[in-house]
Amino acid sequence: MSEYQYYEFQAVDRPLTPAQQRELRALSTRARITATSFVNHYEWGDFKGVPARLMEHVFDLHLYLANWGTRVFSLRLPCRLIDTAVVEACLIDDEFASMRVVGENIVIAIGCDELEFEDWDDGSGWLGALAPLRADILNGDLRLFYLVWLMAVEAGVAADDAVEPAIDLSPLSGALKAFANFFAIDGDLIDAAVVEDGAPKDEPGHAQAHALIRALPEREKAALLIDLFDGNDPHLAAGFRRRIRERSSRPRDEARRRTAGDLRRAARKAAERRRRRQEEEAAAERRRKEQEKAKEEQRRLEVLKRRGEVVWTDVEAAIASRTAPGYDTAAALLADLRMMAQQQGDMAVFRHRLEDICGRHARKRRFLEKLASLGL
């Protein structure tokens, strides 16, 4: 397959209208279209629509994957629930991410080109794994944008003195791990950012919610309940959770914020430690296999010793079969007989008998080639 492209869109806040579904069908006769999604792949040709426009007016999430290494993940978010200043500080290069305001929303597109992966990937399942990130952001969790900043650090776009975002990265959720895997972010770099951040942070819970509710003026409480009753705001709960998070979170210690250079150096050290560990483990595994091989060889030699002259008869019978498996068996037995002769100091006798066999079977070219491959 020379080319493969996968497109998936998802509507989260509101389902697609029948008119929108008809417009999407006009863009593709093969796509799987529902009230909340559009999915299609292309092995020839291309998508007739413009993903950026669909994200501006129709969908809340978009994922694109091409087998030549391009990957894109886009989100549409309501401006009123996003601290755009914090987000913009993380999006330091539009090669990896861009943010644009469209009416009351912002659209954030994250992408990379020329990524390399060993295994074939048809794109399915990724958007489902990444979708929780949108809800996390609306709840005030901005760790996704720290990972976007790390993408620029890994690529060398961020200067060594660029200070990391004032966002605690740890602990990584399943969706954040999926994002890191989707864009192949250096695991050593992520570990450097997470490990040095300290212990995992507790998420705001019921205690913090009760504290905020008690502190709200009665008029604001009533307004919230009316909004809840009307059901017109799909982000009411997210906005409330965001307020709790902001109220309960503690300011990050500025002195502990690291630079891109600090993280790159820490990642290189981690990679070197991992390389040494892998080499030590590989050496230990080689030693284990060599010991097992030596034990197995010794067991075979003990059997040969007990069988005595019968083994030479087995060699002749295997050669007489004139088959490749027979030649393999004969050669393997002769190799074991050589080891036994070396242990017993009978190499002269072994060489004499081997020369006799080779002389009598000089016309069996494949048999002689097999002996040569074993150094006999």
Protein backbone atom coordinates (compact mmCIF):
# COMPACT_ATOMS: atom_id res chain seq x y z
CA MET A 1 0.00 0.00 0.00
CA SER A 2 1.66 3.22 -1.14
CA GLU A 3 -0.53 5.75 0.66
CA TYR A 4 -2.91 5.56 3.60
CA GLN A 5 -4.78 8.38 5.34
CA TYR A 6 -7.19 8.18 8.26
CA TYR A 7 -9.64 10.93 9.24
CA GLU A 8 -11.84 10.95 12.33
CA PHE A 9 -13.98 13.76 13.73
CA GLN A 10 -16.13 13.81 16.84
CA ALA A 11 -18.86 16.16 18.08
CA VAL A 12 -18.97 16.26 21.88
CA ASP A 13 -21.03 19.24 23.05
CA ARG A 14 -23.87 19.00 20.54
CA PRO A 15 -24.94 16.30 18.04
CA LEU A 16 -24.83 17.01 14.34
CA THR A 17 -28.01 18.28 12.75
CA PRO A 18 -29.52 16.37 9.81
CA ALA A 19 -28.39 19.22 7.54
CA GLN A 20 -24.81 18.90 8.78
CA GLN A 21 -24.88 15.15 8.23
CA ARG A 22 -26.07 15.67 4.65
CA GLU A 23 -23.26 18.17 4.04
CA LEU A 24 -20.74 15.64 5.35
CA ARG A 25 -22.18 12.91 3.15
CA ALA A 26 -21.64 15.16 0.16
CA LEU A 27 -17.93 15.19 1.09
CA SER A 28 -17.67 11.39 1.19
CA THR A 29 -19.90 8.55 0.06
CA ARG A 30 -17.82 5.94 1.92
CA ALA A 31 -17.45 7.58 5.31
CA ARG A 32 -19.12 6.25 8.45
CA ILE A 33 -21.25 9.17 9.62
CA THR A 34 -23.33 9.29 12.80
CA ALA A 35 -24.96 12.05 14.82
CA THR A 36 -21.65 12.58 16.63
CA SER A 37 -18.88 11.37 14.32
CA PHE A 38 -17.27 11.13 10.89
CA VAL A 39 -14.75 8.37 10.14
CA ASN A 40 -13.08 7.46 6.87
CA HIS A 41 -9.77 6.29 5.44
CA TYR A 42 -8.23 6.71 2.01
CA GLU A 43 -5.86 4.43 0.13
CA TRP A 44 -6.10 6.57 -2.98
CA GLY A 45 -7.46 10.08 -3.45
CA ASP A 46 -8.04 12.39 -0.51
CA PHE A 47 -10.69 13.91 1.73
CA LYS A 48 -12.68 16.60 -0.08
CA GLY A 49 -13.39 18.63 3.05
CA VAL A 50 -11.19 21.10 4.93
CA PRO A 51 -10.54 19.76 8.45
CA ALA A 52 -9.77 23.22 9.85
CA ARG A 53 -13.16 24.56 8.75
CA LEU A 54 -15.01 21.53 10.06
CA MET A 55 -13.33 22.06 13.42
CA GLU A 56 -14.35 25.71 13.43
CA HIS A 57 -18.04 25.10 12.78
CA VAL A 58 -19.00 21.45 13.34
CA PHE A 59 -16.73 19.22 15.41
CA ASP A 60 -14.97 19.35 18.78
CA LEU A 61 -12.25 16.74 18.17
CA HIS A 62 -10.26 15.64 15.13
CA LEU A 63 -7.55 13.07 14.50
CA TYR A 64 -5.55 12.56 11.32
CA LEU A 65 -2.95 9.91 10.57
CA ALA A 66 -0.98 9.21 7.38
CA ASN A 67 1.38 6.31 6.79
CA TRP A 68 4.17 8.69 5.70
CA GLY A 69 4.49 9.90 9.30
CA THR A 70 2.09 12.83 9.64
CA ARG A 71 -0.17 12.92 12.71
CA VAL A 72 -2.60 15.62 13.87
CA PHE A 73 -4.83 16.00 16.93
CA SER A 74 -7.17 19.01 17.14
CA LEU A 75 -9.57 20.29 19.80
CA ARG A 76 -12.25 22.98 19.83
CA LEU A 77 -12.83 24.56 23.24
CA PRO A 78 -14.95 27.42 24.60
CA CYS A 79 -12.78 30.49 25.20
CA ARG A 80 -14.42 31.33 28.52
CA LEU A 81 -13.15 28.13 30.11
CA ILE A 82 -9.57 28.31 28.86
CA ASP A 83 -6.68 30.33 30.22
CA THR A 84 -5.38 31.24 26.77
CA ALA A 85 -2.31 32.99 28.20
CA VAL A 86 -1.10 29.75 29.82
CA VAL A 87 -1.86 27.77 26.67
CA GLU A 88 -0.07 30.26 24.40
CA ALA A 89 3.01 30.12 26.65
CA CYS A 90 3.24 26.38 25.94
CA LEU A 91 2.71 26.65 22.18
CA ILE A 92 6.12 28.12 21.44
CA ASP A 93 6.34 27.01 17.80
CA ASP A 94 3.55 26.60 15.25
CA GLU A 95 5.46 23.68 13.72
CA PHE A 96 3.95 21.57 16.50
CA ALA A 97 0.83 23.44 17.62
CA SER A 98 -1.29 26.45 16.77
CA MET A 99 -4.23 28.17 18.43
CA ARG A 100 -6.81 30.35 16.72
CA VAL A 101 -9.93 32.08 18.06
CA VAL A 102 -13.14 31.40 16.14
CA GLY A 103 -16.09 33.26 17.63
CA GLU A 104 -16.59 32.05 21.20
CA ASN A 105 -14.26 29.08 20.72
CA ILE A 106 -10.59 28.41 20.25
CA VAL A 107 -9.29 25.67 17.99
CA ILE A 108 -5.97 24.08 18.91
CA ALA A 109 -4.23 21.93 16.31
CA ILE A 110 -1.27 19.76 17.37
CA GLY A 111 0.73 17.96 14.69
CA CYS A 112 4.00 16.37 13.64
CA ASP A 113 5.44 15.26 10.31
CA GLU A 114 7.84 12.44 9.44
CA LEU A 115 7.30 10.43 12.61
CA GLU A 116 8.62 6.87 12.39
CA PHE A 117 6.89 3.81 13.80
CA GLU A 118 7.78 0.14 13.36
CA ASP A 119 4.25 -1.28 13.41
CA TRP A 120 1.43 -0.62 10.96
CA ASP A 121 -1.27 1.64 12.41
CA ASP A 122 -4.67 2.15 10.74
CA GLY A 123 -5.57 5.04 13.07
CA SER A 124 -8.65 3.48 14.64
CA GLY A 125 -8.94 3.71 18.41
CA TRP A 126 -6.64 6.68 18.85
CA LEU A 127 -9.32 9.38 19.09
CA GLY A 128 -11.19 7.36 21.68
CA ALA A 129 -8.00 7.19 23.76
CA LEU A 130 -7.29 10.92 23.37
CA ALA A 131 -10.85 12.26 23.74
CA PRO A 132 -10.75 12.51 27.58
CA LEU A 133 -8.06 15.19 27.24
CA ARG A 134 -10.69 17.70 26.11
CA ALA A 135 -12.77 17.18 29.25
CA ASP A 136 -9.60 17.38 31.35
CA ILE A 137 -8.71 20.76 29.83
CA LEU A 138 -12.23 22.11 30.43
CA ASN A 139 -11.88 20.98 34.06
CA GLY A 140 -8.70 23.05 34.35
CA ASP A 141 -6.13 20.29 33.77
CA LEU A 142 -3.59 21.77 31.33
CA ARG A 143 -0.94 19.02 31.44
CA LEU A 144 -1.53 18.26 27.75
CA PHE A 145 0.08 21.58 26.87
CA TYR A 146 3.15 20.76 28.95
CA LEU A 147 3.59 17.71 26.69
CA VAL A 148 3.21 19.95 23.64
CA TRP A 149 5.98 22.14 25.06
CA LEU A 150 8.11 19.00 25.52
CA MET A 151 7.64 18.20 21.82
CA ALA A 152 9.36 21.49 21.00
CA VAL A 153 12.07 20.76 23.57
CA GLU A 154 12.75 17.35 22.03
CA ALA A 155 12.95 18.84 18.53
CA GLY A 156 15.46 21.46 19.67
CA VAL A 157 13.08 24.33 18.92
CA ALA A 158 12.95 25.48 22.55
CA ALA A 159 16.10 27.37 23.59
CA ASP A 160 18.16 25.90 26.44
CA ASP A 161 17.15 28.75 28.73
CA ALA A 162 13.42 28.41 27.99
CA VAL A 163 11.65 27.85 31.33
CA GLU A 164 9.16 25.02 31.64
CA PRO A 165 5.44 25.87 31.95
CA ALA A 166 4.05 26.49 35.43
CA ILE A 167 2.13 23.22 35.20
CA ASP A 168 2.68 20.09 37.29
CA LEU A 169 2.99 17.25 34.78
CA SER A 170 2.76 14.31 37.18
CA PRO A 171 1.00 11.98 37.36
CA LEU A 172 0.39 11.07 33.72
CA SER A 173 -3.16 9.89 33.05
CA GLY A 174 -3.95 7.17 30.55
CA ALA A 175 -5.03 9.78 27.99
CA LEU A 176 -1.78 11.72 28.42
CA LYS A 177 0.23 8.52 27.96
CA ALA A 178 -1.76 7.84 24.79
CA PHE A 179 -0.96 11.35 23.54
CA ALA A 180 2.75 10.79 24.22
CA ASN A 181 2.62 7.49 22.34
CA PHE A 182 0.62 8.95 19.44
CA PHE A 183 3.28 11.60 18.85
CA ALA A 184 6.23 9.39 19.91
CA ILE A 185 7.47 11.86 22.52
CA ASP A 186 10.80 10.80 24.01
CA GLY A 187 10.04 8.70 27.09
CA ASP A 188 13.29 9.73 28.79
CA LEU A 189 12.34 13.39 28.41
CA ILE A 190 8.90 12.74 29.90
CA ASP A 191 10.44 10.79 32.78
CA ALA A 192 12.82 13.67 33.46
CA ALA A 193 9.88 16.08 33.64
CA VAL A 194 7.69 13.82 35.78
CA VAL A 195 10.17 12.31 38.22
CA GLU A 196 11.73 15.59 39.28
CA ASP A 197 8.27 17.10 39.80
CA GLY A 198 7.92 15.22 43.06
CA ALA A 199 5.02 13.17 44.40
CA PRO A 200 1.75 12.83 42.48
CA LYS A 201 -0.76 15.59 43.17
CA ASP A 202 -4.22 14.86 44.60
CA GLU A 203 -7.14 15.93 42.43
CA PRO A 204 -9.72 18.27 44.03
CA GLY A 205 -12.46 16.28 45.72
CA HIS A 206 -15.76 16.69 47.60
CA ALA A 207 -14.15 18.60 50.45
CA GLN A 208 -12.94 21.32 48.11
CA ALA A 209 -16.33 21.37 46.34
CA HIS A 210 -18.18 21.83 49.64
CA ALA A 211 -15.84 24.64 50.62
CA LEU A 212 -16.46 26.52 47.37
CA ILE A 213 -20.23 26.02 47.53
CA ARG A 214 -20.38 27.36 51.11
CA ALA A 215 -18.37 30.41 50.03
CA LEU A 216 -20.65 31.29 47.09
CA PRO A 217 -23.19 34.13 47.56
CA GLU A 218 -26.80 32.93 47.57
CA ARG A 219 -27.55 34.81 44.37
CA GLU A 220 -24.73 32.99 42.53
CA LYS A 221 -25.84 29.62 43.88
CA ALA A 222 -29.36 30.28 42.63
CA ALA A 223 -28.04 31.31 39.21
CA LEU A 224 -26.02 28.10 38.95
CA LEU A 225 -29.05 25.98 39.83
CA ILE A 226 -31.22 27.79 37.26
CA ASP A 227 -28.53 27.18 34.60
CA LEU A 228 -28.44 23.54 35.63
CA PHE A 229 -32.24 23.31 35.36
CA ASP A 230 -32.30 24.94 31.92
CA GLY A 231 -29.60 22.55 30.65
CA ASN A 232 -28.42 24.98 27.98
CA ASP A 233 -24.78 25.05 29.05
CA PRO A 234 -22.96 21.75 28.31
CA HIS A 235 -19.92 23.08 30.18
CA LEU A 236 -21.59 24.07 33.44
CA ALA A 237 -20.10 21.18 35.42
CA ALA A 238 -16.69 21.61 33.79
CA GLY A 239 -16.64 25.32 34.62
CA PHE A 240 -17.50 24.57 38.24
CA ARG A 241 -14.81 21.90 38.54
CA ARG A 242 -12.33 24.34 37.00
CA ARG A 243 -13.14 26.89 39.71
CA ILE A 244 -12.56 24.25 42.37
CA ARG A 245 -9.23 23.29 40.83
CA GLU A 246 -8.09 26.92 40.67
CA ARG A 247 -9.20 27.54 44.26
CA SER A 248 -7.48 24.44 45.68
CA SER A 249 -4.28 24.45 43.63
CA ARG A 250 -1.12 25.91 45.13
CA PRO A 251 1.15 28.22 43.16
CA ARG A 252 4.13 26.43 41.69
CA ASP A 253 7.46 27.21 43.36
CA GLU A 254 9.16 29.38 40.76
CA ALA A 255 12.59 28.33 42.03
CA ARG A 256 11.84 24.71 41.11
CA ARG A 257 10.94 25.42 37.49
CA ARG A 258 13.53 23.97 35.15
CA THR A 259 14.75 24.98 31.74
CA ALA A 260 14.62 23.09 28.46
CA GLY A 261 18.37 22.58 28.80
CA ASP A 262 17.94 21.05 32.28
CA LEU A 263 15.39 18.57 30.94
CA ARG A 264 17.44 17.66 27.87
CA ARG A 265 20.48 16.94 30.06
CA ALA A 266 18.38 14.89 32.47
CA ALA A 267 16.90 12.95 29.53
CA ARG A 268 20.36 12.22 28.11
CA LYS A 269 21.52 10.94 31.51
CA ALA A 270 18.40 8.79 31.81
CA ALA A 271 18.96 7.40 28.31
CA GLU A 272 22.58 6.57 29.16
CA ARG A 273 21.52 4.82 32.39
CA ARG A 274 18.89 2.87 30.46
CA ARG A 275 21.44 1.93 27.77
CA ARG A 276 23.90 0.65 30.41
CA ARG A 277 21.13 -1.26 32.17
CA GLN A 278 20.02 -2.85 28.90
CA GLU A 279 23.62 -3.81 28.09
CA GLU A 280 24.05 -5.38 31.54
CA GLU A 281 20.77 -7.25 31.18
CA ALA A 282 21.72 -8.42 27.69
CA ALA A 283 25.13 -9.60 28.96
CA ALA A 284 23.49 -11.46 31.83
CA GLU A 285 21.05 -13.08 29.40
CA ARG A 286 23.92 -14.15 27.14
CA ARG A 287 25.72 -15.70 30.10
CA ARG A 288 22.57 -17.52 31.14
CA LYS A 289 22.07 -18.91 27.63
CA GLU A 290 25.71 -19.93 27.39
CA GLN A 291 25.45 -21.76 30.70
CA GLU A 292 22.26 -23.50 29.58
CA LYS A 293 23.93 -24.42 26.29
CA ALA A 294 26.95 -25.84 28.12
CA LYS A 295 24.71 -27.89 30.41
CA GLU A 296 22.75 -29.23 27.44
CA GLU A 297 25.95 -30.11 25.59
CA GLN A 298 27.25 -31.93 28.64
CA ARG A 299 23.99 -33.90 28.94
CA ARG A 300 24.28 -34.95 25.28
CA LEU A 301 27.90 -36.00 25.75
CA GLU A 302 27.01 -38.13 28.75
CA VAL A 303 24.42 -39.93 26.61
CA LEU A 304 27.02 -40.42 23.84
CA LYS A 305 29.48 -41.91 26.29
CA ARG A 306 26.93 -44.42 27.52
CA ARG A 307 25.93 -45.41 23.98
CA GLY A 308 29.54 -45.91 22.86
CA GLU A 309 30.10 -47.34 19.37
CA VAL A 310 26.36 -47.31 18.58
CA VAL A 311 26.64 -43.56 17.93
CA TRP A 312 28.98 -44.13 14.96
CA THR A 313 26.45 -46.63 13.60
CA ASP A 314 23.75 -43.91 13.88
CA VAL A 315 26.00 -41.52 11.93
CA GLU A 316 26.33 -44.04 9.07
CA ALA A 317 22.57 -44.70 9.05
CA ALA A 318 21.77 -40.98 8.88
CA ILE A 319 24.20 -40.47 5.97
CA ALA A 320 22.73 -43.44 4.14
CA SER A 321 19.29 -41.78 4.11
CA ARG A 322 20.63 -39.32 1.47
CA THR A 323 18.24 -36.63 2.76
CA ALA A 324 18.91 -33.17 4.11
CA PRO A 325 17.48 -34.02 7.58
CA GLY A 326 19.65 -37.14 7.64
CA TYR A 327 22.78 -35.13 6.79
CA ASP A 328 21.84 -32.64 9.55
CA THR A 329 21.54 -35.46 12.07
CA ALA A 330 24.85 -37.03 11.03
CA ALA A 331 26.70 -33.71 11.18
CA ALA A 332 25.24 -32.88 14.60
CA LEU A 333 26.30 -36.27 15.98
CA LEU A 334 29.81 -35.85 14.57
CA ALA A 335 30.05 -32.40 16.17
CA ASP A 336 29.13 -33.94 19.54
CA LEU A 337 31.62 -36.78 19.00
CA ARG A 338 34.32 -34.18 18.36
CA MET A 339 33.54 -32.42 21.67
CA MET A 340 33.65 -35.73 23.50
CA ALA A 341 37.01 -36.57 21.86
CA GLN A 342 38.38 -33.18 22.92
CA GLN A 343 37.35 -33.82 26.52
CA GLN A 344 38.83 -37.34 26.52
CA GLY A 345 42.00 -36.46 24.60
CA ASP A 346 41.12 -38.77 21.68
CA MET A 347 41.22 -36.23 18.85
CA ALA A 348 43.63 -38.29 16.74
CA VAL A 349 41.21 -41.24 16.72
CA PHE A 350 38.28 -38.94 15.93
CA ARG A 351 40.10 -37.28 13.00
CA HIS A 352 41.00 -40.68 11.57
CA ARG A 353 37.41 -41.91 11.66
CA LEU A 354 36.07 -38.58 10.28
CA GLU A 355 38.54 -38.74 7.35
CA ASP A 356 37.39 -42.28 6.65
CA ILE A 357 33.72 -41.16 6.56
CA CYS A 358 34.49 -38.18 4.30
CA GLY A 359 36.47 -40.42 1.95
CA ARG A 360 33.71 -43.00 1.62
CA HIS A 361 31.06 -40.31 1.05
CA ALA A 362 33.12 -37.93 -1.08
CA ARG A 363 30.38 -37.72 -3.71
CA LYS A 364 27.77 -36.51 -1.22
CA ARG A 365 28.47 -32.82 -1.77
CA ARG A 366 25.66 -31.53 0.41
CA PHE A 367 26.74 -33.71 3.30
CA LEU A 368 30.31 -32.43 3.05
CA GLU A 369 29.03 -28.83 2.86
CA LYS A 370 27.10 -29.42 6.07
CA LEU A 371 30.23 -30.72 7.79
CA ALA A 372 32.17 -27.66 6.60
CA SER A 373 29.50 -25.32 7.99
CA LEU A 374 30.10 -26.89 11.42
CA GLY A 375 33.87 -26.64 11.09
CA LEU A 376 34.33 -30.41 10.75
